[in-house]
Amino acid sequence: MRRKRNRRFRLILLISFSFLFLFLSSSYAILSENLEVVGQATISSRVSSGGDFVGEVSDEEDGLVENEDGSSNFVGDSGTTVNNFIQMPGDSYLWRILSIDVDGNLKIIRNRDESLSMAFISSGGNARDWANTLILQNLKSWYQENLGGYSNIIVQNPEWLLTDAAKPGTVVNVLGTYTDSPIGLIRNDEIVNSSSTGASGQKVSSWLNDGYIWTMTYVNKGNKTDRAWRVNGDKFMDSAAINAGSTVARPVIYLKSSVMFSSGTGTESDPFVVKY
C-alpha cells in the first residue's frame, strides 16, 4: 500500500515539474518576443518625424526654436550652422527644414537650383492672383515630374497663406489661403523669422540667404498689384514687375508627420534621409 502511494506521489511530482518547465519556457519565449518588439518600436520612434523628430534635434546646437503655439522653426543668421539638411530619395539636391507645424508636418525648402529659374507672370499683371500665375503652373509641372511618385508622404492640400507686406519686417497682412497645390514658395515673413536679428531696413541675415529667390508675398505699395517680394542674398527687393525677367524659385513642400527617416544627423554631409 505504501509503495502505491509513493509511486503515485512521484508521478504527481513529475507531472508538476513538467508543467512548471513548460510554463517557464513559454514565459521566456513571450518575454523575449516582447523585448524584441519594444526594441523595434523604439527604433521606429527614434527616426520618425513630427513630435518624435523634434526630440532628435538639439535646440541649442541646431537652431530649432519652439513657438508659443507648439510649432517650431529653424533660426540662424547667415554663416551659422543650422543642422536641418534633408535628403529626398533620388534627388541630387538637398532640402532644408523650414519649420514643423503643430501637427508634426515638416515644411521643407529645396536648396538653390539654377535650372529652376522662373518668371512670376500673371494674367493682367496681377501678382495677387496666385492661382493663375505662371510660376505656380511651372511649380506644379516640376512637382509632377520630380515628386509625383512620393505623393503618399507629401501633404497634398496644405494651407498656403497669401500675404502682403509694405517692406520686410513690417506687419504682414493675410489676404487669404490657397490649398489646391502640394507645392508653393516661401513667404517674406518666414525669411525674416528665420533670422535671429530679423530685418534691418531692406536686409536680413539668415541661413536662407543664397542669391535671388522668389517669395509668394506680394508688395503692398498703394494700388500697384504687379509686384512680389524676392530676395537677393541678404537684400529684399521687390521686382520691377512680375512680368519682367526670371528669378530662381526654390520649391517648398510639406512632408507628412508620419514620414520616416532611415539615417542622418541633419548636417550637410550627413543629412536626414527620408525613408521610402
Protein backbone atom coordinates (compact mmCIF):
# COMPACT_ATOMS: atom_id res chain seq x y z
CA MET A 1 0.00 0.00 0.00
CA ARG A 2 2.84 2.38 0.89
CA ARG A 3 4.59 1.54 -2.43
CA LYS A 4 1.49 2.52 -4.38
CA ARG A 5 1.29 5.82 -2.52
CA ASN A 6 4.99 6.54 -3.13
CA ARG A 7 4.61 5.71 -6.82
CA ARG A 8 1.54 7.98 -7.11
CA PHE A 9 3.40 10.80 -5.30
CA ARG A 10 6.39 10.53 -7.65
CA LEU A 11 4.04 10.58 -10.67
CA ILE A 12 2.26 13.71 -9.42
CA LEU A 13 5.61 15.36 -8.71
CA LEU A 14 6.89 14.53 -12.22
CA ILE A 15 3.77 15.92 -13.87
CA SER A 16 4.02 19.10 -11.75
CA PHE A 17 7.66 19.66 -12.74
CA SER A 18 6.75 19.09 -16.40
CA PHE A 19 4.02 21.73 -16.28
CA LEU A 20 6.36 24.13 -14.45
CA PHE A 21 9.05 23.65 -17.13
CA LEU A 22 6.56 24.26 -19.96
CA PHE A 23 5.26 27.38 -18.20
CA LEU A 24 8.73 28.82 -17.69
CA SER A 25 9.74 28.04 -21.28
CA SER A 26 6.60 29.70 -22.69
CA SER A 27 7.05 32.72 -20.42
CA TYR A 28 10.65 33.18 -21.56
CA ALA A 29 9.62 32.97 -25.23
CA ILE A 30 6.86 35.54 -24.75
CA LEU A 31 9.16 37.82 -22.78
CA SER A 32 11.85 37.57 -25.47
CA GLU A 33 9.33 38.35 -28.20
CA ASN A 34 8.02 41.37 -26.31
CA LEU A 35 11.52 42.69 -25.74
CA GLU A 36 12.23 42.40 -29.44
CA VAL A 37 9.02 44.25 -30.38
CA VAL A 38 9.74 47.02 -27.88
CA GLY A 39 13.22 47.37 -29.35
CA GLN A 40 11.84 47.75 -32.88
CA ALA A 41 9.26 50.27 -31.70
CA THR A 42 11.96 52.31 -30.02
CA ILE A 43 13.98 52.45 -33.23
CA SER A 44 10.92 53.37 -35.28
CA SER A 45 10.00 56.12 -32.83
CA ARG A 46 13.53 57.49 -32.89
CA VAL A 47 13.60 58.02 -36.65
CA SER A 48 10.07 59.25 -37.21
CA SER A 49 9.26 62.88 -37.85
CA GLY A 50 6.77 65.20 -36.20
CA GLY A 51 6.89 65.34 -32.41
CA ASP A 52 9.30 62.40 -32.23
CA PHE A 53 11.54 64.10 -34.78
CA VAL A 54 11.71 67.26 -32.69
CA GLY A 55 13.23 65.19 -29.91
CA GLU A 56 16.04 64.18 -32.27
CA VAL A 57 17.20 67.78 -32.73
CA SER A 58 19.06 69.76 -30.09
CA ASP A 59 17.58 73.25 -29.76
CA GLU A 60 20.87 74.90 -28.85
CA GLU A 61 23.09 73.12 -31.37
CA ASP A 62 20.79 73.01 -34.38
CA GLY A 63 18.78 76.23 -34.18
CA LEU A 64 15.31 74.73 -33.67
CA VAL A 65 13.10 77.18 -31.78
CA GLU A 66 9.69 76.27 -30.37
CA ASN A 67 6.89 78.80 -30.79
CA GLU A 68 4.06 79.57 -28.38
CA ASP A 69 1.51 77.63 -30.47
CA GLY A 70 3.58 74.42 -30.31
CA SER A 71 5.09 74.72 -33.78
CA SER A 72 8.85 75.04 -34.30
CA ASN A 73 11.12 76.71 -36.84
CA PHE A 74 14.84 76.81 -37.57
CA VAL A 75 16.54 80.10 -36.72
CA GLY A 76 20.08 81.18 -37.51
CA ASP A 77 21.94 84.06 -39.08
CA SER A 78 23.92 83.86 -42.30
CA GLY A 79 27.05 81.76 -41.82
CA THR A 80 25.85 79.99 -38.67
CA THR A 81 25.49 76.22 -38.50
CA VAL A 82 21.89 75.11 -38.80
CA ASN A 83 21.58 71.32 -38.96
CA ASN A 84 18.34 70.97 -40.91
CA PHE A 85 19.51 69.35 -44.16
CA ILE A 86 17.26 66.67 -45.57
CA GLN A 87 17.63 64.24 -48.49
CA MET A 88 14.67 63.17 -50.61
CA PRO A 89 15.01 59.77 -52.35
CA GLY A 90 16.56 60.06 -55.81
CA ASP A 91 17.15 63.83 -55.59
CA SER A 92 20.69 65.08 -56.10
CA TYR A 93 19.83 68.39 -54.43
CA LEU A 94 19.38 68.65 -50.68
CA TRP A 95 16.42 70.30 -48.96
CA ARG A 96 16.29 72.32 -45.71
CA ILE A 97 13.64 72.08 -42.99
CA LEU A 98 11.95 75.45 -42.50
CA SER A 99 9.50 74.56 -39.76
CA ILE A 100 7.45 71.87 -38.05
CA ASP A 101 3.77 72.67 -37.63
CA VAL A 102 1.56 71.79 -34.64
CA ASP A 103 0.52 68.54 -36.36
CA GLY A 104 4.12 67.43 -36.84
CA ASN A 105 4.26 68.06 -40.61
CA LEU A 106 7.65 69.26 -41.85
CA LYS A 107 7.78 72.27 -44.18
CA ILE A 108 10.90 71.98 -46.33
CA ILE A 109 12.55 74.16 -48.99
CA ARG A 110 14.81 72.89 -51.77
CA ASN A 111 18.39 74.04 -52.00
CA ARG A 112 19.17 76.56 -54.71
CA ASP A 113 18.99 75.09 -58.23
CA GLU A 114 19.87 77.42 -61.11
CA SER A 115 17.81 75.31 -63.52
CA LEU A 116 14.64 76.41 -61.67
CA SER A 117 14.75 80.00 -62.91
CA MET A 118 11.18 81.17 -63.48
CA ALA A 119 9.24 84.33 -64.22
CA PHE A 120 6.36 85.07 -61.86
CA ILE A 121 3.94 86.32 -64.55
CA SER A 122 0.20 86.57 -64.08
CA SER A 123 -2.58 87.48 -66.47
CA GLY A 124 -3.21 91.21 -66.34
CA GLY A 125 -0.02 91.67 -64.31
CA ASN A 126 -1.84 90.90 -61.05
CA ALA A 127 0.60 89.21 -58.65
CA ARG A 128 -2.21 88.62 -56.18
CA ASP A 129 -3.95 86.18 -58.49
CA TRP A 130 -1.73 83.33 -57.27
CA ALA A 131 -3.88 80.56 -58.71
CA ASN A 132 -3.29 81.87 -62.24
CA THR A 133 0.38 82.75 -62.04
CA LEU A 134 2.80 81.14 -64.46
CA ILE A 135 5.21 80.36 -61.65
CA LEU A 136 2.62 78.21 -59.86
CA GLN A 137 1.85 76.29 -63.06
CA ASN A 138 5.58 75.68 -63.60
CA LEU A 139 5.99 74.56 -59.99
CA LYS A 140 3.10 72.11 -60.36
CA SER A 141 4.63 70.68 -63.55
CA TRP A 142 8.01 70.33 -61.85
CA TYR A 143 6.34 68.59 -58.90
CA GLN A 144 4.61 66.02 -61.12
CA GLU A 145 7.82 65.27 -62.95
CA ASN A 146 10.08 65.09 -59.92
CA LEU A 147 7.96 64.37 -56.83
CA GLY A 148 4.70 62.93 -58.14
CA GLY A 149 5.75 59.43 -57.11
CA TYR A 150 6.07 60.49 -53.46
CA SER A 151 2.53 61.80 -53.03
CA ASN A 152 1.84 59.42 -50.14
CA ILE A 153 4.45 61.14 -47.94
CA ILE A 154 3.75 64.72 -49.10
CA VAL A 155 0.77 66.73 -47.86
CA GLN A 156 -1.34 67.25 -50.98
CA ASN A 157 -3.52 70.19 -49.95
CA PRO A 158 -1.69 72.26 -47.33
CA GLU A 159 -2.89 75.74 -46.48
CA TRP A 160 -0.69 78.26 -48.29
CA LEU A 161 -1.09 81.73 -46.80
CA LEU A 162 -1.41 84.54 -49.35
CA THR A 163 0.10 87.65 -47.78
CA ASP A 164 1.40 91.12 -48.49
CA ALA A 165 3.79 93.46 -46.70
CA ALA A 166 4.92 97.03 -47.25
CA LYS A 167 8.53 96.04 -46.53
CA PRO A 168 10.43 93.24 -44.76
CA GLY A 169 9.77 93.10 -41.03
CA THR A 170 6.57 95.17 -41.18
CA VAL A 171 3.06 93.93 -40.47
CA VAL A 172 2.13 91.03 -42.74
CA ASN A 173 -1.45 91.07 -43.98
CA VAL A 174 -3.11 87.72 -44.62
CA LEU A 175 -5.20 88.13 -47.75
CA GLY A 176 -6.48 84.58 -47.97
CA THR A 177 -5.39 80.97 -48.43
CA TYR A 178 -4.75 78.63 -51.33
CA THR A 179 -5.00 74.86 -50.94
CA ASP A 180 -5.11 73.45 -54.46
CA SER A 181 -1.43 72.52 -54.74
CA PRO A 182 1.13 70.38 -52.87
CA ILE A 183 3.90 72.84 -53.81
CA GLY A 184 4.48 76.54 -53.28
CA LEU A 185 7.09 79.13 -52.28
CA ILE A 186 8.43 80.61 -49.08
CA ARG A 187 6.85 83.77 -47.62
CA ASN A 188 8.52 87.08 -46.85
CA ASP A 189 7.87 86.75 -43.10
CA GLU A 190 9.31 83.22 -42.97
CA ILE A 191 12.65 84.55 -44.17
CA VAL A 192 12.54 87.35 -41.59
CA ASN A 193 11.63 84.87 -38.81
CA SER A 194 14.48 82.53 -39.80
CA SER A 195 16.94 85.22 -38.66
CA SER A 196 17.79 85.75 -35.00
CA THR A 197 18.03 89.50 -35.59
CA GLY A 198 15.12 89.96 -38.01
CA ALA A 199 15.04 92.53 -40.78
CA SER A 200 17.18 95.65 -40.70
CA GLY A 201 15.85 98.03 -43.31
CA GLN A 202 15.94 96.12 -46.59
CA LYS A 203 18.36 93.47 -45.31
CA VAL A 204 18.07 90.27 -43.34
CA SER A 205 20.83 87.92 -42.17
CA SER A 206 19.53 84.35 -42.42
CA TRP A 207 20.76 80.82 -43.09
CA LEU A 208 18.37 81.00 -46.08
CA ASN A 209 20.41 83.74 -47.84
CA ASP A 210 21.54 82.36 -51.18
CA GLY A 211 21.22 84.71 -54.13
CA TYR A 212 17.97 85.72 -55.83
CA ILE A 213 14.87 83.75 -54.87
CA TRP A 214 11.14 84.44 -55.24
CA THR A 215 8.72 84.59 -52.32
CA MET A 216 4.94 84.31 -52.62
CA THR A 217 4.39 87.52 -50.62
CA TYR A 218 3.08 90.47 -52.58
CA VAL A 219 4.41 94.00 -52.29
CA ASN A 220 1.95 96.31 -50.55
CA LYS A 221 2.56 99.53 -52.43
CA GLY A 222 -0.55 101.65 -52.96
CA ASN A 223 -2.75 100.40 -55.77
CA LYS A 224 0.03 98.52 -57.55
CA THR A 225 -0.62 94.79 -57.84
CA ASP A 226 2.21 93.76 -60.15
CA ARG A 227 4.98 93.21 -57.63
CA ALA A 228 6.09 90.31 -55.43
CA TRP A 229 8.90 90.23 -52.89
CA ARG A 230 12.12 88.50 -53.83
CA VAL A 231 15.47 88.14 -52.09
CA ASN A 232 18.98 88.81 -53.36
CA GLY A 233 21.35 87.33 -50.81
CA ASP A 234 20.75 89.37 -47.67
CA LYS A 235 18.78 92.06 -49.51
CA PHE A 236 15.00 92.09 -50.00
CA MET A 237 14.00 93.54 -53.38
CA ASP A 238 10.61 93.99 -54.98
CA SER A 239 10.82 93.14 -58.65
CA ALA A 240 10.26 95.99 -61.10
CA ALA A 241 7.36 93.93 -62.37
CA ILE A 242 6.40 90.29 -62.06
CA ASN A 243 6.21 90.05 -65.85
CA ALA A 244 9.82 91.18 -66.34
CA GLY A 245 12.68 88.71 -66.05
CA SER A 246 13.17 85.44 -64.21
CA THR A 247 14.42 84.62 -60.71
CA VAL A 248 15.32 81.30 -59.11
CA ALA A 249 12.37 79.56 -57.46
CA ARG A 250 13.09 77.27 -54.51
CA PRO A 251 10.14 74.84 -54.23
CA VAL A 252 8.51 74.37 -50.84
CA ILE A 253 6.51 71.29 -49.79
CA TYR A 254 5.14 69.72 -46.60
CA LEU A 255 6.19 66.22 -45.56
CA LYS A 256 3.58 64.31 -43.58
CA SER A 257 4.20 63.80 -39.87
CA SER A 258 4.21 60.04 -40.48
CA VAL A 259 7.24 60.18 -42.79
CA MET A 260 10.22 58.14 -41.58
CA PHE A 261 13.96 58.81 -41.72
CA SER A 262 16.41 55.98 -42.21
CA SER A 263 19.52 57.85 -41.07
CA GLY A 264 21.23 61.21 -40.71
CA THR A 265 22.05 63.91 -38.19
CA GLY A 266 20.93 66.92 -40.23
CA THR A 267 24.34 68.20 -41.26
CA GLU A 268 25.12 68.93 -44.92
CA SER A 269 27.46 65.93 -45.09
CA ASP A 270 25.05 63.69 -43.15
CA PRO A 271 21.51 64.89 -43.94
CA PHE A 272 18.31 63.35 -42.59
CA VAL A 273 17.48 60.72 -45.24
CA VAL A 274 13.80 60.20 -45.99
CA LYS A 275 12.89 56.52 -45.87
CA TYR A 276 10.70 55.50 -48.79
